[in-house]
Amino acid sequence: MQDNKRVTVLVAVICLAPFVFCLIERQVLRALGGGQKMPGLYPGTQMVRPTGPMILCHPSGLRLRVGHATGPPTIVISRGVQLHLLDLLGLEPIRPRWPET
């Protein structure tokens, strides 16, 4: 019985992953508007249509700087395309998502 539950959960995760990719890609394409292409996803100035894996590749380089008693945690952005993607997704990298203590 335990094995059936594990298989069911595995199938659910496998089905949800492409769905999440599609939702992220859809949000970015809607935010881009009619052009639906953006620079910076590939080296150089080539304009390409963003895909889910391509979008998720760039935020992987983001780093979280731990906060101290005098300041909140901050996200260190090393490339402009990261900030642009966060903006297109409607995420604010400056404000943390957890309540202040």
C-alpha atoms as a PDB file:
ATOM      1  CA  MET A   1       0.000   0.000   0.000  1.00  0.00           C
ATOM      2  CA  GLN A   2       2.864   2.398   0.834  1.00  0.00           C
ATOM      3  CA  ASP A   3       4.430   1.854  -2.605  1.00  0.00           C
ATOM      4  CA  ASN A   4       1.220   2.905  -4.370  1.00  0.00           C
ATOM      5  CA  LYS A   5       1.163   6.202  -2.476  1.00  0.00           C
ATOM      6  CA  ARG A   6       4.769   6.910  -3.427  1.00  0.00           C
ATOM      7  CA  VAL A   7       4.086   6.201  -7.090  1.00  0.00           C
ATOM      8  CA  THR A   8       1.017   8.449  -6.990  1.00  0.00           C
ATOM      9  CA  VAL A   9       3.007  11.304  -5.471  1.00  0.00           C
ATOM     10  CA  LEU A  10       5.826  10.815  -7.992  1.00  0.00           C
ATOM     11  CA  VAL A  11       3.370  10.980 -10.903  1.00  0.00           C
ATOM     12  CA  ALA A  12       1.828  14.136  -9.423  1.00  0.00           C
ATOM     13  CA  VAL A  13       5.241  15.812  -9.149  1.00  0.00           C
ATOM     14  CA  ILE A  14       6.157  14.774 -12.686  1.00  0.00           C
ATOM     15  CA  CYS A  15       2.911  16.271 -13.963  1.00  0.00           C
ATOM     16  CA  LEU A  16       3.239  19.491 -11.961  1.00  0.00           C
ATOM     17  CA  ALA A  17       6.782  20.359 -13.069  1.00  0.00           C
ATOM     18  CA  PRO A  18       5.910  21.085 -16.747  1.00  0.00           C
ATOM     19  CA  PHE A  19       2.810  22.927 -15.582  1.00  0.00           C
ATOM     20  CA  VAL A  20       4.925  25.265 -13.417  1.00  0.00           C
ATOM     21  CA  PHE A  21       7.365  25.774 -16.324  1.00  0.00           C
ATOM     22  CA  CYS A  22       4.434  26.746 -18.563  1.00  0.00           C
ATOM     23  CA  LEU A  23       3.019  29.176 -16.002  1.00  0.00           C
ATOM     24  CA  ILE A  24       6.377  30.907 -15.557  1.00  0.00           C
ATOM     25  CA  GLU A  25       6.918  31.113 -19.314  1.00  0.00           C
ATOM     26  CA  ARG A  26       3.380  32.448 -19.835  1.00  0.00           C
ATOM     27  CA  GLN A  27       3.859  35.177 -17.209  1.00  0.00           C
ATOM     28  CA  VAL A  28       7.113  36.360 -18.797  1.00  0.00           C
ATOM     29  CA  LEU A  29       5.674  36.331 -22.333  1.00  0.00           C
ATOM     30  CA  ARG A  30       2.619  38.298 -21.218  1.00  0.00           C
ATOM     31  CA  ALA A  31       4.813  40.865 -19.485  1.00  0.00           C
ATOM     32  CA  LEU A  32       7.005  41.220 -22.589  1.00  0.00           C
ATOM     33  CA  GLY A  33       3.983  42.108 -24.679  1.00  0.00           C
ATOM     34  CA  GLY A  34       3.849  41.912 -28.460  1.00  0.00           C
ATOM     35  CA  GLY A  35       7.571  41.466 -29.137  1.00  0.00           C
ATOM     36  CA  GLN A  36       7.888  38.359 -26.963  1.00  0.00           C
ATOM     37  CA  LYS A  37      11.668  38.339 -27.375  1.00  0.00           C
ATOM     38  CA  MET A  38      14.302  39.649 -25.014  1.00  0.00           C
ATOM     39  CA  PRO A  39      18.083  40.093 -25.022  1.00  0.00           C
ATOM     40  CA  GLY A  40      20.471  38.695 -22.454  1.00  0.00           C
ATOM     41  CA  LEU A  41      19.285  35.099 -22.293  1.00  0.00           C
ATOM     42  CA  TYR A  42      22.135  34.018 -24.555  1.00  0.00           C
ATOM     43  CA  PRO A  43      25.614  35.579 -24.685  1.00  0.00           C
ATOM     44  CA  GLY A  44      25.696  38.550 -27.015  1.00  0.00           C
ATOM     45  CA  THR A  45      22.819  40.721 -28.154  1.00  0.00           C
ATOM     46  CA  GLN A  46      20.680  38.023 -29.740  1.00  0.00           C
ATOM     47  CA  MET A  47      16.944  38.479 -29.129  1.00  0.00           C
ATOM     48  CA  VAL A  48      15.232  35.178 -28.307  1.00  0.00           C
ATOM     49  CA  ARG A  49      11.828  34.025 -27.117  1.00  0.00           C
ATOM     50  CA  PRO A  50      12.200  32.976 -23.469  1.00  0.00           C
ATOM     51  CA  THR A  51      11.320  29.409 -22.506  1.00  0.00           C
ATOM     52  CA  GLY A  52      10.711  27.953 -19.043  1.00  0.00           C
ATOM     53  CA  PRO A  53      14.134  26.284 -18.662  1.00  0.00           C
ATOM     54  CA  MET A  54      15.882  29.360 -20.068  1.00  0.00           C
ATOM     55  CA  ILE A  55      14.054  31.615 -17.604  1.00  0.00           C
ATOM     56  CA  LEU A  56      14.848  29.402 -14.609  1.00  0.00           C
ATOM     57  CA  CYS A  57      18.524  29.121 -15.579  1.00  0.00           C
ATOM     58  CA  HIS A  58      19.297  32.808 -14.891  1.00  0.00           C
ATOM     59  CA  PRO A  59      17.912  33.218 -11.355  1.00  0.00           C
ATOM     60  CA  SER A  60      19.995  30.214 -10.304  1.00  0.00           C
ATOM     61  CA  GLY A  61      22.946  32.612 -10.045  1.00  0.00           C
ATOM     62  CA  LEU A  62      21.211  34.838  -7.486  1.00  0.00           C
ATOM     63  CA  ARG A  63      22.704  34.896  -4.004  1.00  0.00           C
ATOM     64  CA  LEU A  64      21.045  35.732  -0.701  1.00  0.00           C
ATOM     65  CA  ARG A  65      23.049  37.936   1.626  1.00  0.00           C
ATOM     66  CA  VAL A  66      22.073  37.131   5.193  1.00  0.00           C
ATOM     67  CA  GLY A  67      20.524  39.970   7.164  1.00  0.00           C
ATOM     68  CA  HIS A  68      21.782  41.302  10.450  1.00  0.00           C
ATOM     69  CA  ALA A  69      20.148  43.063  13.377  1.00  0.00           C
ATOM     70  CA  THR A  70      20.525  46.379  11.525  1.00  0.00           C
ATOM     71  CA  GLY A  71      19.238  45.296   8.110  1.00  0.00           C
ATOM     72  CA  PRO A  72      17.090  42.712   6.340  1.00  0.00           C
ATOM     73  CA  PRO A  73      18.421  39.977   4.058  1.00  0.00           C
ATOM     74  CA  THR A  74      19.086  41.110   0.489  1.00  0.00           C
ATOM     75  CA  ILE A  75      19.345  39.350  -2.843  1.00  0.00           C
ATOM     76  CA  VAL A  76      22.613  39.953  -4.708  1.00  0.00           C
ATOM     77  CA  ILE A  77      21.947  40.408  -8.421  1.00  0.00           C
ATOM     78  CA  SER A  78      25.021  39.929 -10.596  1.00  0.00           C
ATOM     79  CA  ARG A  79      23.501  40.358 -14.084  1.00  0.00           C
ATOM     80  CA  GLY A  80      20.902  42.725 -15.530  1.00  0.00           C
ATOM     81  CA  VAL A  81      18.902  39.914 -17.112  1.00  0.00           C
ATOM     82  CA  GLN A  82      18.202  38.523 -13.621  1.00  0.00           C
ATOM     83  CA  LEU A  83      16.630  41.796 -12.524  1.00  0.00           C
ATOM     84  CA  HIS A  84      14.673  42.036 -15.778  1.00  0.00           C
ATOM     85  CA  LEU A  85      13.264  38.508 -15.349  1.00  0.00           C
ATOM     86  CA  LEU A  86      12.316  39.161 -11.720  1.00  0.00           C
ATOM     87  CA  ASP A  87      10.573  42.344 -12.848  1.00  0.00           C
ATOM     88  CA  LEU A  88       8.697  40.487 -15.620  1.00  0.00           C
ATOM     89  CA  LEU A  89       7.586  37.853 -13.099  1.00  0.00           C
ATOM     90  CA  GLY A  90       6.330  40.556 -10.741  1.00  0.00           C
ATOM     91  CA  LEU A  91       8.821  39.727  -7.981  1.00  0.00           C
ATOM     92  CA  GLU A  92      10.557  42.389  -5.923  1.00  0.00           C
ATOM     93  CA  PRO A  93      14.081  41.285  -5.041  1.00  0.00           C
ATOM     94  CA  ILE A  94      14.480  44.022  -2.444  1.00  0.00           C
ATOM     95  CA  ARG A  95      11.640  43.075  -0.112  1.00  0.00           C
ATOM     96  CA  PRO A  96      11.843  39.653   1.569  1.00  0.00           C
ATOM     97  CA  ARG A  97       8.737  37.462   1.523  1.00  0.00           C
ATOM     98  CA  TRP A  98       8.815  36.676   5.246  1.00  0.00           C
ATOM     99  CA  PRO A  99       7.578  38.981   8.010  1.00  0.00           C
ATOM    100  CA  GLU A 100       9.977  41.284   9.818  1.00  0.00           C
ATOM    101  CA  THR A 101      10.993  40.148  13.291  1.00  0.00           C
END
